[in-house]
Amino acid sequence: MARVRFIGPEPVTVPELDGRAVQPDEVVEVPDSRYDGFVCQPALWEAVEEPKQQEPAGGDGPTDLAPARQTRPKISAAKPEAASQKTEG
C-alpha cells in the first residue's frame, strides 16, 4: 500500500478509508490503485511513499515486451498488360 500525508487545515472523514477521520499532518496508507486520486489534490495531500511496482501476471520475472515485428504486405511488381488493340479494316 502507498502512503500519503494529509496537509489540510482541519480533520476530514475519508470515505475511501472506510469513513475514517484523518487529522492534519497524519500519514495514512491508501490502496495503490487510489494513490493518484489523493496526490492529485496537492492542497490536501502530500506523497510519502509511492505504490510498489507490480509484476505482470505470472510473476516469472521480466517479460519480453518488445512489439511484434510487423511486415509490410508484398506488392506485386508486375506491370499491367496493355490491352490488345484490334483494327478494323
N, C-alpha and C. Protein backbone atom coordinates (compact mmCIF):
# COMPACT_ATOMS: atom_id res chain seq x y z
N MET A 1 0.83 -1.19 0.00
CA MET A 1 0.00 0.00 0.00
C MET A 1 0.88 1.25 0.00
N ALA A 2 0.37 2.29 -0.62
CA ALA A 2 1.06 3.57 -0.68
C ALA A 2 0.71 4.37 0.58
N ARG A 3 1.50 5.43 0.80
CA ARG A 3 1.22 6.27 1.97
C ARG A 3 1.20 7.74 1.55
N VAL A 4 0.27 8.48 2.15
CA VAL A 4 0.12 9.91 1.89
C VAL A 4 -0.06 10.64 3.22
N ARG A 5 0.26 11.94 3.22
CA ARG A 5 0.09 12.78 4.42
C ARG A 5 -1.02 13.78 4.14
N PHE A 6 -1.94 13.91 5.10
CA PHE A 6 -3.00 14.90 4.97
C PHE A 6 -2.46 16.24 5.45
N ILE A 7 -2.49 17.24 4.59
CA ILE A 7 -1.95 18.55 4.95
C ILE A 7 -3.03 19.62 5.01
N GLY A 8 -4.29 19.19 5.06
CA GLY A 8 -5.39 20.14 5.17
C GLY A 8 -5.42 20.79 6.55
N PRO A 9 -6.22 21.85 6.72
CA PRO A 9 -6.23 22.61 7.96
C PRO A 9 -7.02 22.00 9.12
N GLU A 10 -7.96 21.12 8.84
CA GLU A 10 -8.78 20.52 9.91
C GLU A 10 -9.08 19.06 9.57
N PRO A 11 -9.45 18.26 10.57
CA PRO A 11 -9.72 16.84 10.32
C PRO A 11 -10.79 16.63 9.25
N VAL A 12 -10.65 15.54 8.51
CA VAL A 12 -11.63 15.17 7.49
C VAL A 12 -11.99 13.70 7.62
N THR A 13 -13.17 13.36 7.18
CA THR A 13 -13.59 11.97 7.11
C THR A 13 -13.38 11.51 5.67
N VAL A 14 -12.67 10.39 5.50
CA VAL A 14 -12.32 9.91 4.17
C VAL A 14 -13.09 8.62 3.88
N PRO A 15 -14.12 8.71 3.03
CA PRO A 15 -14.92 7.52 2.72
C PRO A 15 -14.09 6.36 2.17
N GLU A 16 -13.07 6.65 1.38
CA GLU A 16 -12.25 5.58 0.80
C GLU A 16 -11.44 4.83 1.85
N LEU A 17 -11.33 5.39 3.03
CA LEU A 17 -10.63 4.71 4.12
C LEU A 17 -11.64 4.23 5.15
N ASP A 18 -12.77 3.73 4.65
CA ASP A 18 -13.86 3.21 5.48
C ASP A 18 -14.42 4.27 6.42
N GLY A 19 -14.47 5.51 5.97
CA GLY A 19 -15.06 6.58 6.75
C GLY A 19 -14.20 7.05 7.92
N ARG A 20 -12.97 6.72 7.90
CA ARG A 20 -12.05 7.08 8.98
C ARG A 20 -11.77 8.59 8.99
N ALA A 21 -11.67 9.17 10.18
CA ALA A 21 -11.30 10.58 10.33
C ALA A 21 -9.77 10.67 10.26
N VAL A 22 -9.28 11.61 9.45
CA VAL A 22 -7.84 11.81 9.29
C VAL A 22 -7.51 13.20 9.83
N GLN A 23 -6.50 13.27 10.68
CA GLN A 23 -6.09 14.52 11.31
C GLN A 23 -5.05 15.25 10.45
N PRO A 24 -4.96 16.59 10.59
CA PRO A 24 -3.90 17.31 9.87
C PRO A 24 -2.52 16.75 10.21
N ASP A 25 -1.68 16.65 9.21
CA ASP A 25 -0.30 16.15 9.30
C ASP A 25 -0.23 14.65 9.60
N GLU A 26 -1.33 13.94 9.46
CA GLU A 26 -1.34 12.49 9.69
C GLU A 26 -0.98 11.75 8.41
N VAL A 27 -0.17 10.71 8.53
CA VAL A 27 0.19 9.85 7.40
C VAL A 27 -0.73 8.64 7.43
N VAL A 28 -1.33 8.33 6.30
CA VAL A 28 -2.23 7.18 6.20
C VAL A 28 -1.84 6.31 5.01
N GLU A 29 -2.18 5.03 5.11
CA GLU A 29 -1.98 4.11 3.99
C GLU A 29 -3.23 4.12 3.13
N VAL A 30 -3.01 4.15 1.81
CA VAL A 30 -4.11 4.13 0.86
C VAL A 30 -3.85 3.01 -0.15
N PRO A 31 -4.91 2.45 -0.71
CA PRO A 31 -4.71 1.41 -1.73
C PRO A 31 -3.89 1.96 -2.90
N ASP A 32 -2.99 1.15 -3.42
CA ASP A 32 -2.14 1.57 -4.54
C ASP A 32 -2.98 2.10 -5.70
N SER A 33 -4.12 1.47 -5.93
CA SER A 33 -4.95 1.87 -7.06
C SER A 33 -5.59 3.24 -6.86
N ARG A 34 -5.62 3.76 -5.65
CA ARG A 34 -6.24 5.05 -5.36
C ARG A 34 -5.22 6.15 -5.05
N TYR A 35 -3.95 5.80 -5.06
CA TYR A 35 -2.88 6.75 -4.73
C TYR A 35 -2.97 8.04 -5.56
N ASP A 36 -3.13 7.90 -6.88
CA ASP A 36 -3.19 9.08 -7.75
C ASP A 36 -4.37 9.99 -7.40
N GLY A 37 -5.46 9.40 -6.93
CA GLY A 37 -6.62 10.19 -6.55
C GLY A 37 -6.36 11.08 -5.34
N PHE A 38 -5.42 10.70 -4.51
CA PHE A 38 -5.08 11.53 -3.37
C PHE A 38 -4.05 12.59 -3.75
N VAL A 39 -2.94 12.18 -4.37
CA VAL A 39 -1.86 13.13 -4.66
C VAL A 39 -2.19 14.12 -5.77
N CYS A 40 -3.30 13.91 -6.48
CA CYS A 40 -3.69 14.90 -7.48
C CYS A 40 -4.37 16.10 -6.82
N GLN A 41 -4.47 16.06 -5.49
CA GLN A 41 -5.03 17.17 -4.72
C GLN A 41 -3.93 17.75 -3.83
N PRO A 42 -2.96 18.46 -4.42
CA PRO A 42 -1.79 18.91 -3.66
C PRO A 42 -2.09 19.89 -2.53
N ALA A 43 -3.26 20.49 -2.52
CA ALA A 43 -3.61 21.40 -1.41
C ALA A 43 -4.01 20.61 -0.17
N LEU A 44 -4.31 19.31 -0.35
CA LEU A 44 -4.77 18.50 0.78
C LEU A 44 -3.88 17.31 1.11
N TRP A 45 -3.24 16.73 0.10
CA TRP A 45 -2.47 15.50 0.31
C TRP A 45 -1.06 15.63 -0.25
N GLU A 46 -0.13 15.01 0.44
CA GLU A 46 1.28 15.02 0.04
C GLU A 46 1.76 13.57 -0.06
N ALA A 47 2.50 13.26 -1.09
CA ALA A 47 3.03 11.91 -1.26
C ALA A 47 4.08 11.62 -0.19
N VAL A 48 4.01 10.42 0.38
CA VAL A 48 5.01 9.97 1.34
C VAL A 48 5.73 8.75 0.78
N GLU A 49 4.96 7.78 0.31
CA GLU A 49 5.52 6.56 -0.26
C GLU A 49 4.66 6.15 -1.45
N GLU A 50 5.28 6.09 -2.62
CA GLU A 50 4.56 5.74 -3.83
C GLU A 50 4.21 4.25 -3.84
N PRO A 51 3.24 3.87 -4.67
CA PRO A 51 2.90 2.45 -4.79
C PRO A 51 4.09 1.64 -5.27
N LYS A 52 4.17 0.40 -4.84
CA LYS A 52 5.21 -0.52 -5.31
C LYS A 52 4.91 -0.89 -6.75
N GLN A 53 5.96 -1.10 -7.54
CA GLN A 53 5.77 -1.57 -8.91
C GLN A 53 5.26 -3.00 -8.84
N GLN A 54 4.19 -3.27 -9.54
CA GLN A 54 3.64 -4.62 -9.54
C GLN A 54 4.17 -5.38 -10.74
N GLU A 55 4.46 -6.68 -10.51
CA GLU A 55 4.92 -7.55 -11.59
C GLU A 55 3.75 -7.93 -12.47
N PRO A 56 3.99 -8.14 -13.74
CA PRO A 56 2.91 -8.60 -14.61
C PRO A 56 2.39 -9.95 -14.14
N ALA A 57 1.17 -10.26 -14.50
CA ALA A 57 0.58 -11.54 -14.12
C ALA A 57 1.49 -12.67 -14.54
N GLY A 58 1.61 -13.66 -13.71
CA GLY A 58 2.51 -14.78 -13.99
C GLY A 58 3.70 -14.72 -13.07
N GLY A 59 4.23 -13.56 -12.82
CA GLY A 59 5.30 -13.36 -11.87
C GLY A 59 6.58 -14.13 -12.12
N ASP A 60 6.87 -14.45 -13.35
CA ASP A 60 8.09 -15.19 -13.65
C ASP A 60 9.25 -14.28 -14.01
N GLY A 61 9.24 -13.07 -13.51
CA GLY A 61 10.32 -12.14 -13.79
C GLY A 61 10.04 -11.32 -15.02
N PRO A 62 11.07 -10.71 -15.57
CA PRO A 62 10.87 -9.83 -16.72
C PRO A 62 10.32 -10.58 -17.92
N THR A 63 9.53 -9.88 -18.67
CA THR A 63 8.98 -10.49 -19.88
C THR A 63 9.42 -9.67 -21.07
N ASP A 64 9.43 -10.29 -22.23
CA ASP A 64 9.81 -9.60 -23.45
C ASP A 64 8.61 -8.80 -23.93
N LEU A 65 8.68 -7.49 -23.75
CA LEU A 65 7.57 -6.64 -24.13
C LEU A 65 7.83 -5.93 -25.46
N ALA A 66 8.82 -6.40 -26.20
CA ALA A 66 9.11 -5.78 -27.50
C ALA A 66 7.94 -6.02 -28.43
N PRO A 67 7.59 -5.02 -29.21
CA PRO A 67 6.46 -5.20 -30.11
C PRO A 67 6.77 -6.25 -31.17
N ALA A 68 5.75 -6.92 -31.58
CA ALA A 68 5.92 -7.93 -32.62
C ALA A 68 6.40 -7.26 -33.91
N ARG A 69 7.30 -7.92 -34.60
CA ARG A 69 7.82 -7.35 -35.85
C ARG A 69 6.72 -7.37 -36.89
N GLN A 70 6.49 -6.24 -37.45
CA GLN A 70 5.45 -6.16 -38.45
C GLN A 70 6.08 -6.19 -39.83
N THR A 71 5.42 -6.91 -40.72
CA THR A 71 5.92 -6.99 -42.08
C THR A 71 4.94 -6.26 -42.99
N ARG A 72 5.48 -5.69 -44.02
CA ARG A 72 4.65 -4.99 -44.97
C ARG A 72 4.10 -6.01 -45.97
N PRO A 73 2.90 -5.80 -46.44
CA PRO A 73 2.37 -6.72 -47.45
C PRO A 73 3.19 -6.59 -48.72
N LYS A 74 3.38 -7.71 -49.39
CA LYS A 74 4.15 -7.69 -50.64
C LYS A 74 3.31 -7.07 -51.74
N ILE A 75 3.94 -6.20 -52.48
CA ILE A 75 3.26 -5.55 -53.59
C ILE A 75 3.84 -6.13 -54.87
N SER A 76 2.96 -6.57 -55.72
CA SER A 76 3.39 -7.18 -56.96
C SER A 76 4.07 -6.13 -57.85
N ALA A 77 5.21 -6.50 -58.39
CA ALA A 77 5.93 -5.59 -59.28
C ALA A 77 5.49 -5.76 -60.73
N ALA A 78 4.59 -6.69 -60.98
CA ALA A 78 4.14 -6.94 -62.35
C ALA A 78 3.39 -5.72 -62.87
N LYS A 79 3.68 -5.38 -64.12
CA LYS A 79 3.00 -4.25 -64.74
C LYS A 79 1.76 -4.77 -65.44
N PRO A 80 0.73 -3.99 -65.38
CA PRO A 80 -0.48 -4.45 -66.08
C PRO A 80 -0.22 -4.56 -67.58
N GLU A 81 -0.76 -5.58 -68.18
CA GLU A 81 -0.58 -5.76 -69.62
C GLU A 81 -1.41 -4.76 -70.39
N ALA A 82 -0.85 -4.29 -71.48
CA ALA A 82 -1.60 -3.34 -72.31
C ALA A 82 -2.73 -4.09 -73.00
N ALA A 83 -3.83 -3.44 -73.08
CA ALA A 83 -4.98 -4.07 -73.72
C ALA A 83 -4.67 -4.21 -75.21
N SER A 84 -5.00 -5.37 -75.76
CA SER A 84 -4.72 -5.57 -77.18
C SER A 84 -5.68 -4.71 -78.01
N GLN A 85 -5.16 -4.14 -79.03
CA GLN A 85 -5.99 -3.29 -79.86
C GLN A 85 -6.31 -4.02 -81.17
N LYS A 86 -7.55 -3.98 -81.51
CA LYS A 86 -7.97 -4.60 -82.76
C LYS A 86 -8.22 -3.50 -83.78
N THR A 87 -7.76 -3.74 -84.96
CA THR A 87 -8.02 -2.76 -86.02
C THR A 87 -9.06 -3.34 -86.95
N GLU A 88 -9.95 -2.51 -87.25
CA GLU A 88 -10.99 -2.97 -88.17
C GLU A 88 -10.62 -2.50 -89.58
N GLY A 89 -10.88 -3.26 -90.47
CA GLY A 89 -10.50 -2.80 -91.75
C GLY A 89 -10.97 -3.37 -92.92
